[in-house]
């Protein structure tokens, strides 16, 4: 799968060289929702700053609407940073989200198949 590169300039603007236009965090979010892999680079240094941009997107989503992460969950996450279990917990969290995604994909495929086999 190809990676969609976005560049971030010192004026805090994000630029999509593929589309030759500036983009917003919400547009980057839409790229991700459509299934694209995204890499955000600092335009000057070329440094990969994808994680910080993705965290900004999560913060925006958490502040609007109903949050995915409760204050208790966030406190627990903070407690893992710098501790002996940080790496283990990060791996566990990644595997758990992957397993959940796979289960959801399987469930959706089963529902689609059921509807195709027995349309009402």
N, C-alpha and C. Protein backbone atom coordinates (compact mmCIF):
# COMPACT_ATOMS: atom_id res chain seq x y z
N UNK A 1 0.85 -1.18 0.00
CA UNK A 1 0.00 0.00 0.00
C UNK A 1 0.89 1.25 0.00
N UNK A 2 0.58 2.19 -0.84
CA UNK A 2 1.37 3.41 -0.91
C UNK A 2 1.03 4.32 0.27
N UNK A 3 1.94 5.20 0.56
CA UNK A 3 1.77 6.13 1.66
C UNK A 3 1.55 7.52 1.10
N UNK A 4 0.51 8.17 1.57
CA UNK A 4 0.17 9.53 1.14
C UNK A 4 1.01 10.50 1.98
N UNK A 5 1.91 11.22 1.35
CA UNK A 5 2.81 12.13 2.07
C UNK A 5 2.19 13.52 2.15
N UNK A 6 2.19 14.06 3.35
CA UNK A 6 1.74 15.43 3.62
C UNK A 6 2.93 16.17 4.22
N UNK A 7 3.12 17.41 3.84
CA UNK A 7 4.22 18.20 4.40
C UNK A 7 3.66 19.30 5.30
N UNK A 8 4.34 19.50 6.43
CA UNK A 8 3.94 20.55 7.36
C UNK A 8 4.99 21.65 7.31
N UNK A 9 4.52 22.86 7.06
CA UNK A 9 5.41 24.01 6.95
C UNK A 9 5.47 24.76 8.28
N UNK A 10 6.46 25.63 8.40
CA UNK A 10 6.67 26.35 9.65
C UNK A 10 5.49 27.25 10.03
N UNK A 11 4.68 27.62 9.06
CA UNK A 11 3.50 28.43 9.36
C UNK A 11 2.33 27.56 9.85
N UNK A 12 2.64 26.29 10.19
CA UNK A 12 1.68 25.32 10.72
C UNK A 12 0.71 24.78 9.68
N UNK A 13 0.88 25.15 8.44
CA UNK A 13 -0.03 24.67 7.40
C UNK A 13 0.45 23.34 6.86
N UNK A 14 -0.51 22.51 6.55
CA UNK A 14 -0.24 21.20 5.96
C UNK A 14 -0.45 21.30 4.46
N UNK A 15 0.44 20.68 3.71
CA UNK A 15 0.38 20.76 2.25
C UNK A 15 0.43 19.36 1.66
N UNK A 16 -0.48 19.10 0.75
CA UNK A 16 -0.55 17.81 0.06
C UNK A 16 0.07 17.99 -1.33
N UNK A 17 1.32 17.55 -1.54
CA UNK A 17 1.96 17.74 -2.84
C UNK A 17 1.28 16.94 -3.95
N UNK A 18 0.62 15.85 -3.59
CA UNK A 18 -0.07 15.03 -4.59
C UNK A 18 -1.26 15.80 -5.19
N UNK A 19 -1.96 16.57 -4.35
CA UNK A 19 -3.11 17.35 -4.80
C UNK A 19 -2.75 18.81 -5.08
N UNK A 20 -1.51 19.20 -4.76
CA UNK A 20 -1.04 20.58 -4.91
C UNK A 20 -1.95 21.58 -4.21
N UNK A 21 -2.26 21.27 -2.94
CA UNK A 21 -3.11 22.18 -2.17
C UNK A 21 -2.86 22.01 -0.67
N UNK A 22 -3.20 23.06 0.07
CA UNK A 22 -3.14 22.96 1.52
C UNK A 22 -4.31 22.12 2.01
N UNK A 23 -4.09 21.42 3.12
CA UNK A 23 -5.14 20.57 3.69
C UNK A 23 -5.28 20.86 5.17
N UNK A 24 -6.43 20.51 5.70
CA UNK A 24 -6.70 20.67 7.12
C UNK A 24 -6.50 19.33 7.83
N UNK A 25 -6.50 19.38 9.16
CA UNK A 25 -6.43 18.14 9.92
C UNK A 25 -7.63 17.25 9.60
N UNK A 26 -8.79 17.87 9.39
CA UNK A 26 -9.98 17.09 9.08
C UNK A 26 -9.83 16.38 7.74
N UNK A 27 -9.18 17.02 6.79
CA UNK A 27 -8.95 16.38 5.49
C UNK A 27 -7.96 15.23 5.62
N UNK A 28 -6.96 15.37 6.48
CA UNK A 28 -6.03 14.27 6.74
C UNK A 28 -6.80 13.13 7.38
N UNK A 29 -7.69 13.44 8.30
CA UNK A 29 -8.54 12.43 8.93
C UNK A 29 -9.38 11.69 7.88
N UNK A 30 -9.92 12.43 6.93
CA UNK A 30 -10.73 11.82 5.87
C UNK A 30 -9.88 10.87 5.02
N UNK A 31 -8.63 11.23 4.75
CA UNK A 31 -7.74 10.33 4.01
C UNK A 31 -7.59 9.01 4.76
N UNK A 32 -7.39 9.11 6.07
CA UNK A 32 -7.22 7.92 6.90
C UNK A 32 -8.50 7.10 6.92
N UNK A 33 -9.64 7.76 7.06
CA UNK A 33 -10.91 7.04 7.07
C UNK A 33 -11.18 6.32 5.76
N UNK A 34 -10.66 6.87 4.67
CA UNK A 34 -10.85 6.23 3.36
C UNK A 34 -9.89 5.06 3.15
N UNK A 35 -9.04 4.80 4.14
CA UNK A 35 -8.15 3.65 4.08
C UNK A 35 -6.72 3.95 3.66
N UNK A 36 -6.41 5.22 3.45
CA UNK A 36 -5.05 5.56 3.03
C UNK A 36 -4.10 5.59 4.21
N UNK A 37 -2.85 5.19 3.95
CA UNK A 37 -1.78 5.34 4.94
C UNK A 37 -1.23 6.75 4.74
N UNK A 38 -0.94 7.44 5.83
CA UNK A 38 -0.49 8.82 5.76
C UNK A 38 0.85 8.96 6.48
N UNK A 39 1.72 9.76 5.90
CA UNK A 39 2.99 10.12 6.54
C UNK A 39 3.08 11.64 6.46
N UNK A 40 3.29 12.26 7.61
CA UNK A 40 3.42 13.72 7.64
C UNK A 40 4.89 14.03 7.94
N UNK A 41 5.46 14.86 7.08
CA UNK A 41 6.87 15.22 7.21
C UNK A 41 7.01 16.71 7.45
N UNK A 42 7.99 17.08 8.25
CA UNK A 42 8.36 18.48 8.40
C UNK A 42 8.96 18.91 7.07
N UNK A 43 8.43 19.97 6.49
CA UNK A 43 8.86 20.39 5.15
C UNK A 43 10.33 20.79 5.10
N UNK A 44 10.84 21.32 6.20
CA UNK A 44 12.23 21.79 6.20
C UNK A 44 13.22 20.66 6.46
N UNK A 45 12.96 19.85 7.49
CA UNK A 45 13.93 18.82 7.88
C UNK A 45 13.63 17.44 7.30
N UNK A 46 12.39 17.21 6.85
CA UNK A 46 12.01 15.89 6.37
C UNK A 46 11.69 14.92 7.49
N UNK A 47 11.75 15.40 8.74
CA UNK A 47 11.48 14.55 9.90
C UNK A 47 10.03 14.03 9.86
N UNK A 48 9.86 12.79 10.24
CA UNK A 48 8.53 12.18 10.31
C UNK A 48 7.81 12.68 11.56
N UNK A 49 6.75 13.46 11.37
CA UNK A 49 5.98 14.01 12.49
C UNK A 49 4.55 13.48 12.48
N UNK A 50 4.37 12.32 11.85
CA UNK A 50 3.05 11.73 11.71
C UNK A 50 2.36 11.56 13.06
N UNK A 51 3.06 11.00 14.04
CA UNK A 51 2.44 10.74 15.34
C UNK A 51 1.86 12.00 15.96
N UNK A 52 2.59 13.11 15.91
CA UNK A 52 2.08 14.33 16.54
C UNK A 52 0.84 14.85 15.81
N UNK A 53 0.79 14.70 14.50
CA UNK A 53 -0.39 15.14 13.74
C UNK A 53 -1.57 14.22 14.05
N UNK A 54 -1.33 12.91 14.11
CA UNK A 54 -2.40 11.99 14.45
C UNK A 54 -2.94 12.25 15.86
N UNK A 55 -2.04 12.57 16.78
CA UNK A 55 -2.48 12.92 18.14
C UNK A 55 -3.32 14.19 18.14
N UNK A 56 -2.96 15.17 17.30
CA UNK A 56 -3.77 16.39 17.19
C UNK A 56 -5.17 16.06 16.69
N UNK A 57 -5.25 15.15 15.72
CA UNK A 57 -6.56 14.75 15.19
C UNK A 57 -7.38 14.09 16.29
N UNK A 58 -6.74 13.22 17.07
CA UNK A 58 -7.45 12.56 18.17
C UNK A 58 -7.92 13.57 19.20
N UNK A 59 -7.08 14.53 19.54
CA UNK A 59 -7.48 15.57 20.51
C UNK A 59 -8.69 16.34 20.01
N UNK A 60 -8.68 16.72 18.73
CA UNK A 60 -9.83 17.43 18.16
C UNK A 60 -11.10 16.60 18.25
N UNK A 61 -10.99 15.30 17.94
CA UNK A 61 -12.16 14.42 17.99
C UNK A 61 -12.64 14.22 19.43
N UNK A 62 -11.71 14.14 20.36
CA UNK A 62 -12.07 13.95 21.77
C UNK A 62 -12.77 15.19 22.33
N UNK A 63 -12.39 16.36 21.84
CA UNK A 63 -12.98 17.61 22.34
C UNK A 63 -14.34 17.90 21.73
N UNK A 64 -14.65 17.30 20.60
CA UNK A 64 -15.95 17.52 19.98
C UNK A 64 -16.76 16.24 20.02
N UNK A 65 -18.03 16.36 20.29
CA UNK A 65 -18.88 15.18 20.32
C UNK A 65 -18.66 14.35 21.56
N UNK A 66 -18.92 13.06 21.43
CA UNK A 66 -18.74 12.19 22.60
C UNK A 66 -17.37 11.54 22.53
N UNK A 67 -16.58 11.67 23.58
CA UNK A 67 -15.22 11.17 23.56
C UNK A 67 -15.14 9.64 23.59
N UNK A 68 -14.10 9.12 22.99
CA UNK A 68 -13.82 7.69 22.99
C UNK A 68 -13.08 7.30 24.26
N UNK A 69 -12.23 8.20 24.74
CA UNK A 69 -11.38 7.92 25.89
C UNK A 69 -11.87 8.71 27.10
N UNK A 70 -12.23 8.00 28.16
CA UNK A 70 -12.69 8.67 29.38
C UNK A 70 -11.48 9.24 30.13
N UNK A 71 -11.73 10.10 31.09
CA UNK A 71 -10.66 10.66 31.91
C UNK A 71 -9.93 9.55 32.66
N UNK A 72 -10.66 8.54 33.13
CA UNK A 72 -10.02 7.42 33.83
C UNK A 72 -9.06 6.67 32.93
N UNK A 73 -9.47 6.42 31.69
CA UNK A 73 -8.59 5.72 30.73
C UNK A 73 -7.36 6.56 30.44
N UNK A 74 -7.55 7.86 30.25
CA UNK A 74 -6.40 8.75 29.98
C UNK A 74 -5.44 8.76 31.16
N UNK A 75 -5.96 8.79 32.38
CA UNK A 75 -5.09 8.75 33.57
C UNK A 75 -4.29 7.46 33.61
N UNK A 76 -4.95 6.35 33.29
CA UNK A 76 -4.25 5.07 33.29
C UNK A 76 -3.17 5.03 32.21
N UNK A 77 -3.46 5.59 31.04
CA UNK A 77 -2.46 5.64 29.98
C UNK A 77 -1.24 6.45 30.43
N UNK A 78 -1.49 7.58 31.08
CA UNK A 78 -0.40 8.43 31.55
C UNK A 78 0.49 7.66 32.53
N UNK A 79 -0.12 6.85 33.37
CA UNK A 79 0.64 6.09 34.36
C UNK A 79 1.58 5.07 33.71
N UNK A 80 1.27 4.61 32.51
CA UNK A 80 2.13 3.64 31.84
C UNK A 80 3.39 4.27 31.26
N UNK A 81 3.37 5.57 30.98
CA UNK A 81 4.53 6.21 30.38
C UNK A 81 5.70 6.22 31.35
N UNK A 82 6.85 5.76 30.85
CA UNK A 82 8.07 5.77 31.65
C UNK A 82 8.18 4.60 32.59
N UNK A 83 7.14 3.81 32.72
CA UNK A 83 7.19 2.66 33.61
C UNK A 83 7.76 1.43 32.91
N UNK A 84 7.98 0.41 33.70
CA UNK A 84 8.55 -0.83 33.18
C UNK A 84 7.63 -1.51 32.18
N UNK A 85 6.33 -1.24 32.28
CA UNK A 85 5.36 -1.92 31.43
C UNK A 85 5.00 -1.13 30.17
N UNK A 86 5.63 0.02 29.95
CA UNK A 86 5.26 0.87 28.81
C UNK A 86 5.31 0.12 27.48
N UNK A 87 6.41 -0.53 27.19
CA UNK A 87 6.55 -1.21 25.89
C UNK A 87 5.56 -2.37 25.78
N UNK A 88 5.44 -3.14 26.86
CA UNK A 88 4.52 -4.27 26.86
C UNK A 88 3.08 -3.80 26.66
N UNK A 89 2.70 -2.73 27.35
CA UNK A 89 1.35 -2.22 27.22
C UNK A 89 1.10 -1.67 25.83
N UNK A 90 2.08 -0.98 25.26
CA UNK A 90 1.93 -0.47 23.89
C UNK A 90 1.69 -1.59 22.90
N UNK A 91 2.46 -2.68 23.04
CA UNK A 91 2.27 -3.85 22.16
C UNK A 91 0.89 -4.46 22.37
N UNK A 92 0.48 -4.59 23.63
CA UNK A 92 -0.82 -5.16 23.96
C UNK A 92 -1.95 -4.31 23.35
N UNK A 93 -1.84 -3.00 23.50
CA UNK A 93 -2.86 -2.09 22.98
C UNK A 93 -2.96 -2.20 21.46
N UNK A 94 -1.82 -2.25 20.81
CA UNK A 94 -1.81 -2.36 19.34
C UNK A 94 -2.44 -3.67 18.88
N UNK A 95 -2.09 -4.78 19.54
CA UNK A 95 -2.67 -6.08 19.17
C UNK A 95 -4.17 -6.10 19.45
N UNK A 96 -4.59 -5.49 20.55
CA UNK A 96 -6.01 -5.47 20.91
C UNK A 96 -6.83 -4.71 19.88
N UNK A 97 -6.35 -3.56 19.46
CA UNK A 97 -7.06 -2.76 18.47
C UNK A 97 -7.10 -3.51 17.13
N UNK A 98 -6.01 -4.15 16.77
CA UNK A 98 -5.98 -4.94 15.52
C UNK A 98 -6.98 -6.09 15.58
N UNK A 99 -7.03 -6.79 16.71
CA UNK A 99 -7.97 -7.90 16.86
C UNK A 99 -9.40 -7.40 16.79
N UNK A 100 -9.68 -6.26 17.43
CA UNK A 100 -11.02 -5.69 17.40
C UNK A 100 -11.42 -5.33 15.97
N UNK A 101 -10.50 -4.73 15.24
CA UNK A 101 -10.76 -4.35 13.85
C UNK A 101 -11.04 -5.58 12.99
N UNK A 102 -10.25 -6.62 13.17
CA UNK A 102 -10.47 -7.85 12.42
C UNK A 102 -11.84 -8.46 12.73
N UNK A 103 -12.22 -8.45 14.00
CA UNK A 103 -13.53 -8.98 14.40
C UNK A 103 -14.66 -8.18 13.76
N UNK A 104 -14.51 -6.87 13.73
CA UNK A 104 -15.53 -6.01 13.12
C UNK A 104 -15.63 -6.28 11.63
N UNK A 105 -14.49 -6.44 10.96
CA UNK A 105 -14.49 -6.75 9.52
C UNK A 105 -15.18 -8.08 9.25
N UNK A 106 -14.89 -9.09 10.07
CA UNK A 106 -15.51 -10.40 9.92
C UNK A 106 -17.01 -10.31 10.12
N UNK A 107 -17.43 -9.59 11.16
CA UNK A 107 -18.85 -9.43 11.45
C UNK A 107 -19.57 -8.74 10.29
N UNK A 108 -18.98 -7.66 9.78
CA UNK A 108 -19.59 -6.94 8.67
C UNK A 108 -19.69 -7.81 7.42
N UNK A 109 -18.67 -8.62 7.16
CA UNK A 109 -18.71 -9.53 6.01
C UNK A 109 -19.81 -10.57 6.19
N UNK A 110 -20.00 -11.06 7.40
CA UNK A 110 -21.05 -12.04 7.67
C UNK A 110 -22.43 -11.42 7.47
N UNK A 111 -22.62 -10.19 7.93
CA UNK A 111 -23.90 -9.52 7.75
C UNK A 111 -24.17 -9.28 6.27
N UNK A 112 -23.16 -8.84 5.51
CA UNK A 112 -23.32 -8.64 4.07
C UNK A 112 -23.71 -9.94 3.39
N UNK A 113 -23.02 -11.01 3.75
CA UNK A 113 -23.31 -12.32 3.14
C UNK A 113 -24.73 -12.76 3.48
N UNK A 114 -25.15 -12.55 4.71
CA UNK A 114 -26.49 -12.93 5.13
C UNK A 114 -27.53 -12.15 4.33
N UNK A 115 -27.31 -10.87 4.12
CA UNK A 115 -28.25 -10.06 3.36
C UNK A 115 -28.28 -10.45 1.89
N UNK A 116 -27.14 -10.83 1.35
CA UNK A 116 -27.10 -11.26 -0.06
C UNK A 116 -27.80 -12.60 -0.24
N UNK A 117 -27.65 -13.48 0.74
CA UNK A 117 -28.27 -14.81 0.65
C UNK A 117 -29.77 -14.77 0.86
N UNK A 118 -30.25 -13.82 1.65
CA UNK A 118 -31.66 -13.78 2.00
C UNK A 118 -32.18 -12.33 1.95
N UNK A 119 -32.26 -11.73 0.76
CA UNK A 119 -32.75 -10.34 0.69
C UNK A 119 -34.24 -10.27 1.03
N UNK A 120 -34.61 -9.27 1.81
CA UNK A 120 -36.00 -9.13 2.19
C UNK A 120 -36.57 -7.90 1.54
